[in-house]
Amino acid sequence: MYLLCALCPMWFRTILLLPFLVPSILRAQDYTLEFGTEVPLASALSLEEAKAMPIRWVNVNTAEDTWKVDGDELVSTGLPIGVMRSEKQYENFILHVEWMHLEPGGNSGVFVWSKAIPDEKSRLPDGVEVQMLELDWVNLNKRNGETPPIAYVHGELFGVGGVKTIPDNPRGERSKSVENRCKGRGEWNTYDVVCVDGVIKLSVNGKFVNGISKSTQRRGYLCLEAEGAPIRFRNLKIIELPPGDGSVNGGNR
């Protein structure tokens, strides 16, 4: 085999080596872990019985030990800064996720409708970010001696990486929650995120308090964010909804 390869042209040697190269390429693209479930819409509406499918996640630019499954929970060390993305892309969907920070001022979030290509400097991707900050973040990050508004920490929504949105409750280009409903470190918070045709509505611990519309990007990966602090996630569920007309993002499906 090796003698034959040495005597053959380069293109022919490549063909002969494909059976050996392809498995290694596929292994490099394997998913990192399974966490959460995708629930069929008909099943969620109790119209028919359907099996929930596990959601697979791919490590984009964090370390091997940044993410791990601990029983029914997903644990992130928060370091290095970066993301893990869903294996598939989503357009219209409902996301349910529960999260808990472990340190004062912890920072994290979920990016929706993302291309999952990190910026070289920030190490974070584009999309619309659903912010997850621990309540003490505002006390630990004063600006010119002033404490940022508490509305900053509990579910701000904003476009990242060139993605533009129209905020329901403007704070500059971002949208802030109209009511503080988040709990501090060591307590679980629940986000329900409804994403349909460029519109996002966010419920924090059982009440809708924020939203954006007219997102210039409305299909892509989900990205879970590691941003310097440990965080736990649990009960992540996605209900995929019917697609839109495909007029944004080139109509790719």
Protein backbone atom coordinates (compact mmCIF):
# COMPACT_ATOMS: atom_id res chain seq x y z
CA MET A 1 0.00 0.00 0.00
CA TYR A 2 2.67 2.53 1.00
CA LEU A 3 4.89 1.62 -1.99
CA LEU A 4 1.92 2.04 -4.32
CA CYS A 5 1.14 5.46 -2.84
CA ALA A 6 4.72 6.59 -3.34
CA LEU A 7 4.64 5.71 -7.04
CA CYS A 8 1.19 7.24 -7.80
CA PRO A 9 0.26 10.84 -8.63
CA MET A 10 -0.88 13.05 -5.74
CA TRP A 11 -4.60 12.94 -6.68
CA PHE A 12 -4.56 9.14 -6.83
CA ARG A 13 -2.77 8.90 -3.50
CA THR A 14 -5.46 11.10 -1.94
CA ILE A 15 -8.20 8.77 -3.22
CA LEU A 16 -6.38 5.73 -1.83
CA LEU A 17 -6.05 7.40 1.57
CA LEU A 18 -9.69 8.55 1.82
CA PRO A 19 -10.83 5.49 3.80
CA PHE A 20 -8.24 6.42 6.44
CA LEU A 21 -8.83 10.21 6.36
CA VAL A 22 -12.63 10.35 6.45
CA PRO A 23 -13.10 8.68 9.87
CA SER A 24 -10.68 11.16 11.49
CA ILE A 25 -12.48 14.10 9.85
CA LEU A 26 -15.83 12.85 11.10
CA ARG A 27 -14.46 12.39 14.61
CA ALA A 28 -13.32 16.02 14.65
CA GLN A 29 -16.91 17.11 13.94
CA ASP A 30 -18.56 14.84 16.52
CA TYR A 31 -20.81 16.49 19.06
CA THR A 32 -19.38 17.20 22.50
CA LEU A 33 -22.31 16.23 24.73
CA GLU A 34 -26.07 15.78 24.97
CA PHE A 35 -28.12 18.06 27.18
CA GLY A 36 -31.77 19.04 27.08
CA THR A 37 -34.55 17.77 24.84
CA GLU A 38 -36.32 18.81 21.67
CA VAL A 39 -40.06 18.27 22.13
CA PRO A 40 -42.21 17.92 18.98
CA LEU A 41 -44.92 20.57 18.72
CA ALA A 42 -47.71 18.00 18.40
CA SER A 43 -46.53 16.30 21.56
CA ALA A 44 -46.32 19.61 23.44
CA LEU A 45 -49.93 20.32 22.42
CA SER A 46 -50.93 16.78 23.47
CA LEU A 47 -52.20 16.06 19.96
CA GLU A 48 -50.15 12.91 19.65
CA GLU A 49 -47.48 11.00 21.46
CA ALA A 50 -43.99 11.62 20.17
CA LYS A 51 -40.59 10.88 21.59
CA ALA A 52 -38.54 13.83 22.81
CA MET A 53 -35.08 13.86 21.23
CA PRO A 54 -31.86 14.77 23.05
CA ILE A 55 -30.17 17.99 21.96
CA ARG A 56 -26.57 17.62 20.89
CA TRP A 57 -24.02 20.38 21.53
CA VAL A 58 -20.69 21.11 19.87
CA ASN A 59 -17.81 22.86 21.64
CA VAL A 60 -16.92 25.89 19.52
CA ASN A 61 -13.97 27.59 21.25
CA THR A 62 -13.82 26.59 24.91
CA ALA A 63 -11.73 23.97 26.73
CA GLU A 64 -12.53 20.28 27.02
CA ASP A 65 -13.44 20.71 30.68
CA THR A 66 -15.44 23.95 30.33
CA TRP A 67 -18.71 22.00 30.04
CA LYS A 68 -19.84 18.80 31.67
CA VAL A 69 -23.12 17.05 32.37
CA ASP A 70 -23.72 16.45 36.08
CA GLY A 71 -26.82 14.29 36.48
CA ASP A 72 -29.67 16.33 34.99
CA GLU A 73 -27.66 19.55 34.97
CA LEU A 74 -25.12 21.12 32.64
CA VAL A 75 -22.21 22.76 34.48
CA SER A 76 -19.90 25.39 33.00
CA THR A 77 -16.69 26.64 34.61
CA GLY A 78 -17.07 29.87 32.64
CA LEU A 79 -13.49 29.65 31.39
CA PRO A 80 -12.16 30.29 28.88
CA ILE A 81 -14.67 32.76 27.47
CA GLY A 82 -16.48 31.20 24.53
CA VAL A 83 -19.53 29.20 23.54
CA MET A 84 -20.93 25.77 22.87
CA ARG A 85 -23.50 25.58 20.05
CA SER A 86 -26.43 23.32 19.25
CA GLU A 87 -25.75 20.71 16.60
CA LYS A 88 -28.67 21.95 14.46
CA GLN A 89 -30.01 25.37 13.58
CA TYR A 90 -33.40 26.71 14.62
CA GLU A 91 -35.70 29.36 13.19
CA ASN A 92 -39.02 29.56 15.04
CA PHE A 93 -39.08 27.93 18.46
CA ILE A 94 -39.82 28.15 22.16
CA LEU A 95 -36.88 27.72 24.52
CA HIS A 96 -37.32 26.83 28.17
CA VAL A 97 -34.19 26.88 30.33
CA GLU A 98 -33.41 27.17 34.02
CA TRP A 99 -30.10 28.62 35.20
CA MET A 100 -28.26 29.38 38.43
CA HIS A 101 -25.16 31.46 39.02
CA LEU A 102 -22.73 30.29 41.71
CA GLU A 103 -20.68 33.47 42.28
CA PRO A 104 -21.51 37.16 42.88
CA GLY A 105 -21.72 39.06 39.61
CA GLY A 106 -21.64 35.95 37.44
CA ASN A 107 -22.07 36.53 33.70
CA SER A 108 -23.54 34.26 31.03
CA GLY A 109 -26.30 34.07 28.47
CA VAL A 110 -27.80 32.33 25.46
CA PHE A 111 -27.32 33.45 21.87
CA VAL A 112 -30.19 32.65 19.50
CA TRP A 113 -30.15 32.81 15.69
CA SER A 114 -26.35 32.70 15.70
CA LYS A 115 -23.86 31.68 13.02
CA ALA A 116 -21.69 30.43 15.92
CA ILE A 117 -18.52 31.99 14.48
CA PRO A 118 -16.68 33.70 17.37
CA ASP A 119 -15.24 37.19 17.09
CA GLU A 120 -11.45 37.06 17.47
CA LYS A 121 -11.35 39.66 20.26
CA SER A 122 -14.49 38.96 22.30
CA ARG A 123 -14.49 35.20 21.54
CA LEU A 124 -18.29 35.45 21.32
CA PRO A 125 -20.51 34.96 18.23
CA ASP A 126 -23.24 36.98 16.55
CA GLY A 127 -26.97 36.55 17.06
CA VAL A 128 -29.41 37.92 19.64
CA GLU A 129 -28.17 37.55 23.21
CA VAL A 130 -30.51 36.72 26.06
CA GLN A 131 -28.56 38.06 29.04
CA MET A 132 -28.02 36.11 32.26
CA LEU A 133 -26.26 38.22 34.89
CA GLU A 134 -26.16 37.60 38.64
CA LEU A 135 -27.78 40.43 40.65
CA ASP A 136 -24.52 41.64 42.21
CA TRP A 137 -23.07 42.36 38.78
CA VAL A 138 -24.26 45.95 38.98
CA ASN A 139 -22.59 46.44 42.37
CA LEU A 140 -19.29 44.98 41.18
CA ASN A 141 -19.22 46.91 37.89
CA LYS A 142 -19.85 50.53 38.78
CA ARG A 143 -19.18 53.07 36.04
CA ASN A 144 -17.76 56.44 37.06
CA GLY A 145 -18.88 55.68 40.58
CA GLU A 146 -22.47 55.03 39.52
CA THR A 147 -24.28 51.71 39.86
CA PRO A 148 -25.82 50.47 36.59
CA PRO A 149 -29.60 49.97 36.61
CA ILE A 150 -30.77 46.63 37.99
CA ALA A 151 -32.77 46.14 34.79
CA TYR A 152 -29.44 45.45 33.07
CA VAL A 153 -28.99 42.08 34.70
CA HIS A 154 -32.20 40.18 34.27
CA GLY A 155 -32.84 39.34 30.69
CA GLU A 156 -31.65 42.19 28.52
CA LEU A 157 -32.05 41.37 24.84
CA PHE A 158 -29.73 42.77 22.18
CA GLY A 159 -28.22 42.05 18.80
CA VAL A 160 -24.54 41.11 18.64
CA GLY A 161 -22.02 40.95 15.79
CA GLY A 162 -23.91 43.15 13.38
CA VAL A 163 -27.38 41.74 14.11
CA LYS A 164 -29.90 44.57 14.50
CA THR A 165 -33.16 44.51 16.45
CA ILE A 166 -35.92 46.91 17.54
CA PRO A 167 -36.12 46.94 21.37
CA ASP A 168 -39.49 46.83 23.12
CA ASN A 169 -38.05 48.69 26.11
CA PRO A 170 -35.08 50.68 24.79
CA ARG A 171 -31.85 51.16 26.69
CA GLY A 172 -29.89 52.44 23.75
CA GLU A 173 -29.98 49.65 21.16
CA ARG A 174 -30.72 47.08 23.87
CA SER A 175 -34.05 46.12 25.37
CA LYS A 176 -34.34 46.02 29.17
CA SER A 177 -36.82 44.12 31.29
CA VAL A 178 -39.65 46.23 32.69
CA GLU A 179 -39.60 44.43 36.03
CA ASN A 180 -36.84 42.80 38.08
CA ARG A 181 -37.83 39.17 38.59
CA CYS A 182 -34.41 37.48 38.77
CA LYS A 183 -33.11 35.67 41.83
CA GLY A 184 -29.53 35.86 43.09
CA ARG A 185 -26.72 33.30 43.19
CA GLY A 186 -27.57 29.88 44.51
CA GLU A 187 -31.18 30.13 43.30
CA TRP A 188 -32.69 28.85 40.08
CA ASN A 189 -34.13 31.23 37.49
CA THR A 190 -36.48 30.24 34.68
CA TYR A 191 -36.42 31.77 31.21
CA ASP A 192 -39.05 31.05 28.57
CA VAL A 193 -37.95 32.51 25.25
CA VAL A 194 -40.38 32.64 22.33
CA CYS A 195 -38.63 33.27 18.99
CA VAL A 196 -40.88 33.70 15.94
CA ASP A 197 -40.19 35.47 12.63
CA GLY A 198 -37.66 37.94 14.03
CA VAL A 199 -39.61 38.62 17.23
CA ILE A 200 -38.45 37.49 20.68
CA LYS A 201 -40.49 37.61 23.88
CA LEU A 202 -38.84 36.74 27.19
CA SER A 203 -40.56 35.49 30.32
CA VAL A 204 -38.50 35.65 33.54
CA ASN A 205 -39.68 33.40 36.36
CA GLY A 206 -43.21 33.15 35.03
CA LYS A 207 -43.91 36.61 33.60
CA PHE A 208 -43.17 38.22 30.22
CA VAL A 209 -41.04 41.29 30.86
CA ASN A 210 -39.01 41.94 27.69
CA GLY A 211 -38.92 41.63 23.93
CA ILE A 212 -37.41 42.68 20.62
CA SER A 213 -38.68 42.67 17.03
CA LYS A 214 -37.46 42.91 13.43
CA SER A 215 -34.24 41.00 14.01
CA THR A 216 -32.11 41.11 10.90
CA GLN A 217 -31.11 37.49 11.56
CA ARG A 218 -33.78 34.98 12.47
CA ARG A 219 -32.33 31.54 11.94
CA GLY A 220 -29.21 29.91 13.34
CA TYR A 221 -27.64 27.96 16.17
CA LEU A 222 -28.30 28.26 19.88
CA CYS A 223 -25.12 29.08 21.78
CA LEU A 224 -24.60 28.67 25.53
CA GLU A 225 -22.11 31.19 26.84
CA ALA A 226 -19.12 30.79 29.15
CA GLU A 227 -18.11 34.28 30.27
CA GLY A 228 -15.77 34.02 33.22
CA ALA A 229 -17.98 32.59 35.98
CA PRO A 230 -19.38 29.15 36.84
CA ILE A 231 -23.05 28.57 36.03
CA ARG A 232 -25.47 25.64 36.02
CA PHE A 233 -28.29 24.94 33.57
CA ARG A 234 -31.15 22.45 33.82
CA ASN A 235 -34.48 21.52 32.21
CA LEU A 236 -33.54 22.90 28.80
CA LYS A 237 -36.31 22.18 26.29
CA ILE A 238 -36.93 23.36 22.75
CA ILE A 239 -40.28 23.21 20.97
CA GLU A 240 -39.65 23.81 17.27
CA LEU A 241 -42.41 25.81 15.54
CA PRO A 242 -43.36 26.03 11.85
CA PRO A 243 -40.90 28.07 9.75
CA GLY A 244 -41.51 31.53 8.34
CA ASP A 245 -41.43 32.55 4.69
CA GLY A 246 -37.63 32.37 4.47
CA SER A 247 -37.27 35.99 3.38
CA VAL A 248 -34.41 36.63 5.82
CA ASN A 249 -30.98 34.91 5.69
CA GLY A 250 -31.48 33.98 2.06
CA GLY A 251 -34.30 31.58 2.85
CA ASN A 252 -31.83 28.83 3.77
CA ARG A 253 -33.34 25.84 5.52
